[in-house]
Amino acid sequence: MRNVTIWAASAVLLVAANGPAVAGKTCIATATEALPKITGLVVKGSRTRAVSPAVLSTWKGQSKPVIIDLDVEAQGDAQTFSYMCVVSQGAAFVQRTMN
């Protein structure tokens, strides 16, 4: 019985440690799908960052939001699209933000 308890606690810690990484990947994939449909648009890079303290102070959701920045290039023009993302019940919800 003790081994089962130790194994269960280890599994919980493993999921908790990998949670933000999985959430980031889910958010990046969802934000990429939400990009405008522009011919020749190529994603060159992506990164996550924390939302501003002002947003967090008014946030009422259970999951903390993150900002996803997607660096893209289309027809030689480079730009960054930013999305606020929240993962709820395994699904990522994104909304475009202005930098």
C-alpha atoms as a PDB file:
ATOM      1  CA  MET A   1       0.000   0.000   0.000  1.00  0.00           C
ATOM      2  CA  ARG A   2       2.847   2.353   0.829  1.00  0.00           C
ATOM      3  CA  ASN A   3       4.383   1.806  -2.621  1.00  0.00           C
ATOM      4  CA  VAL A   4       1.095   2.720  -4.289  1.00  0.00           C
ATOM      5  CA  THR A   5       0.942   5.960  -2.296  1.00  0.00           C
ATOM      6  CA  ILE A   6       4.534   6.836  -3.195  1.00  0.00           C
ATOM      7  CA  TRP A   7       3.891   6.050  -6.862  1.00  0.00           C
ATOM      8  CA  ALA A   8       0.705   8.181  -6.907  1.00  0.00           C
ATOM      9  CA  ALA A   9       2.489  11.121  -5.277  1.00  0.00           C
ATOM     10  CA  SER A  10       5.325  10.826  -7.801  1.00  0.00           C
ATOM     11  CA  ALA A  11       2.856  10.834 -10.686  1.00  0.00           C
ATOM     12  CA  VAL A  12       1.164  13.982  -9.352  1.00  0.00           C
ATOM     13  CA  LEU A  13       4.518  15.753  -9.037  1.00  0.00           C
ATOM     14  CA  LEU A  14       5.521  14.702 -12.551  1.00  0.00           C
ATOM     15  CA  VAL A  15       2.290  16.039 -14.037  1.00  0.00           C
ATOM     16  CA  ALA A  16       2.602  19.273 -12.059  1.00  0.00           C
ATOM     17  CA  ALA A  17       6.192  19.755 -13.245  1.00  0.00           C
ATOM     18  CA  ASN A  18       5.311  19.154 -16.899  1.00  0.00           C
ATOM     19  CA  GLY A  19       2.011  21.086 -16.775  1.00  0.00           C
ATOM     20  CA  PRO A  20       3.355  24.496 -17.845  1.00  0.00           C
ATOM     21  CA  ALA A  21       5.390  22.968 -20.679  1.00  0.00           C
ATOM     22  CA  VAL A  22       2.373  21.095 -22.038  1.00  0.00           C
ATOM     23  CA  ALA A  23       0.217  24.211 -21.649  1.00  0.00           C
ATOM     24  CA  GLY A  24       2.796  26.262 -23.567  1.00  0.00           C
ATOM     25  CA  LYS A  25       2.869  23.774 -26.438  1.00  0.00           C
ATOM     26  CA  THR A  26      -0.933  23.645 -26.532  1.00  0.00           C
ATOM     27  CA  CYS A  27      -1.153  27.443 -26.541  1.00  0.00           C
ATOM     28  CA  ILE A  28       1.462  27.815 -29.281  1.00  0.00           C
ATOM     29  CA  ALA A  29      -0.345  25.298 -31.497  1.00  0.00           C
ATOM     30  CA  THR A  30      -3.707  26.997 -30.959  1.00  0.00           C
ATOM     31  CA  ALA A  31      -2.268  30.486 -31.531  1.00  0.00           C
ATOM     32  CA  THR A  32      -0.610  29.281 -34.748  1.00  0.00           C
ATOM     33  CA  GLU A  33      -3.996  28.047 -35.984  1.00  0.00           C
ATOM     34  CA  ALA A  34      -5.488  31.458 -35.148  1.00  0.00           C
ATOM     35  CA  LEU A  35      -2.999  33.373 -37.323  1.00  0.00           C
ATOM     36  CA  PRO A  36      -4.488  35.275 -40.258  1.00  0.00           C
ATOM     37  CA  LYS A  37      -4.704  33.225 -43.442  1.00  0.00           C
ATOM     38  CA  ILE A  38      -2.028  35.011 -45.496  1.00  0.00           C
ATOM     39  CA  THR A  39      -0.413  33.320 -48.499  1.00  0.00           C
ATOM     40  CA  GLY A  40       3.239  32.581 -47.794  1.00  0.00           C
ATOM     41  CA  LEU A  41       2.993  33.237 -44.046  1.00  0.00           C
ATOM     42  CA  VAL A  42       5.771  31.341 -42.243  1.00  0.00           C
ATOM     43  CA  VAL A  43       6.210  31.070 -38.474  1.00  0.00           C
ATOM     44  CA  LYS A  44       9.885  31.752 -37.714  1.00  0.00           C
ATOM     45  CA  GLY A  45       9.737  31.441 -33.924  1.00  0.00           C
ATOM     46  CA  SER A  46       7.539  31.431 -30.861  1.00  0.00           C
ATOM     47  CA  ARG A  47       7.856  32.199 -27.165  1.00  0.00           C
ATOM     48  CA  THR A  48       5.728  32.488 -24.062  1.00  0.00           C
ATOM     49  CA  ARG A  49       5.783  35.201 -21.439  1.00  0.00           C
ATOM     50  CA  ALA A  50       3.776  36.207 -18.412  1.00  0.00           C
ATOM     51  CA  VAL A  51       0.846  38.556 -18.731  1.00  0.00           C
ATOM     52  CA  SER A  52       1.135  41.997 -17.159  1.00  0.00           C
ATOM     53  CA  PRO A  53       0.391  42.465 -13.451  1.00  0.00           C
ATOM     54  CA  ALA A  54      -2.504  44.755 -14.432  1.00  0.00           C
ATOM     55  CA  VAL A  55      -4.212  41.901 -16.289  1.00  0.00           C
ATOM     56  CA  LEU A  56      -3.541  39.428 -13.484  1.00  0.00           C
ATOM     57  CA  SER A  57      -4.986  41.800 -10.876  1.00  0.00           C
ATOM     58  CA  THR A  58      -8.376  41.717 -12.614  1.00  0.00           C
ATOM     59  CA  TRP A  59      -8.237  38.083 -13.783  1.00  0.00           C
ATOM     60  CA  LYS A  60     -11.106  35.990 -12.442  1.00  0.00           C
ATOM     61  CA  GLY A  61     -10.320  32.667 -14.146  1.00  0.00           C
ATOM     62  CA  GLN A  62      -8.912  29.608 -12.405  1.00  0.00           C
ATOM     63  CA  SER A  63      -6.022  29.092 -14.858  1.00  0.00           C
ATOM     64  CA  LYS A  64      -3.348  31.752 -15.239  1.00  0.00           C
ATOM     65  CA  PRO A  65      -3.141  33.250 -18.726  1.00  0.00           C
ATOM     66  CA  VAL A  66       0.118  33.535 -20.676  1.00  0.00           C
ATOM     67  CA  ILE A  67       1.104  35.589 -23.685  1.00  0.00           C
ATOM     68  CA  ILE A  68       2.216  33.740 -26.808  1.00  0.00           C
ATOM     69  CA  ASP A  69       4.376  35.699 -29.264  1.00  0.00           C
ATOM     70  CA  LEU A  70       4.623  34.287 -32.788  1.00  0.00           C
ATOM     71  CA  ASP A  71       7.335  35.737 -35.024  1.00  0.00           C
ATOM     72  CA  VAL A  72       6.167  35.409 -38.627  1.00  0.00           C
ATOM     73  CA  GLU A  73       7.331  36.422 -42.063  1.00  0.00           C
ATOM     74  CA  ALA A  74       5.268  36.934 -45.210  1.00  0.00           C
ATOM     75  CA  GLN A  75       6.659  38.225 -48.481  1.00  0.00           C
ATOM     76  CA  GLY A  76       9.800  39.527 -46.757  1.00  0.00           C
ATOM     77  CA  ASP A  77       7.844  41.416 -44.099  1.00  0.00           C
ATOM     78  CA  ALA A  78       8.586  40.246 -40.537  1.00  0.00           C
ATOM     79  CA  GLN A  79       6.190  40.909 -37.694  1.00  0.00           C
ATOM     80  CA  THR A  80       5.063  39.493 -34.355  1.00  0.00           C
ATOM     81  CA  PHE A  81       1.528  38.408 -33.493  1.00  0.00           C
ATOM     82  CA  SER A  82       0.692  38.179 -29.780  1.00  0.00           C
ATOM     83  CA  TYR A  83      -2.093  36.118 -28.252  1.00  0.00           C
ATOM     84  CA  MET A  84      -3.300  35.761 -24.685  1.00  0.00           C
ATOM     85  CA  CYS A  85      -3.888  32.085 -23.925  1.00  0.00           C
ATOM     86  CA  VAL A  86      -5.676  30.212 -21.151  1.00  0.00           C
ATOM     87  CA  VAL A  87      -5.818  26.431 -20.852  1.00  0.00           C
ATOM     88  CA  SER A  88      -9.072  25.167 -19.385  1.00  0.00           C
ATOM     89  CA  GLN A  89     -10.000  21.494 -19.157  1.00  0.00           C
ATOM     90  CA  GLY A  90      -7.181  20.572 -21.537  1.00  0.00           C
ATOM     91  CA  ALA A  91      -8.223  22.988 -24.302  1.00  0.00           C
ATOM     92  CA  ALA A  92      -6.412  26.221 -25.108  1.00  0.00           C
ATOM     93  CA  PHE A  93      -8.360  29.411 -25.752  1.00  0.00           C
ATOM     94  CA  VAL A  94      -6.533  32.274 -27.465  1.00  0.00           C
ATOM     95  CA  GLN A  95      -7.341  35.918 -28.138  1.00  0.00           C
ATOM     96  CA  ARG A  96      -5.159  38.264 -30.132  1.00  0.00           C
ATOM     97  CA  THR A  97      -3.622  41.132 -28.187  1.00  0.00           C
ATOM     98  CA  MET A  98      -1.875  44.269 -29.320  1.00  0.00           C
ATOM     99  CA  ASN A  99       1.731  44.734 -28.188  1.00  0.00           C
END
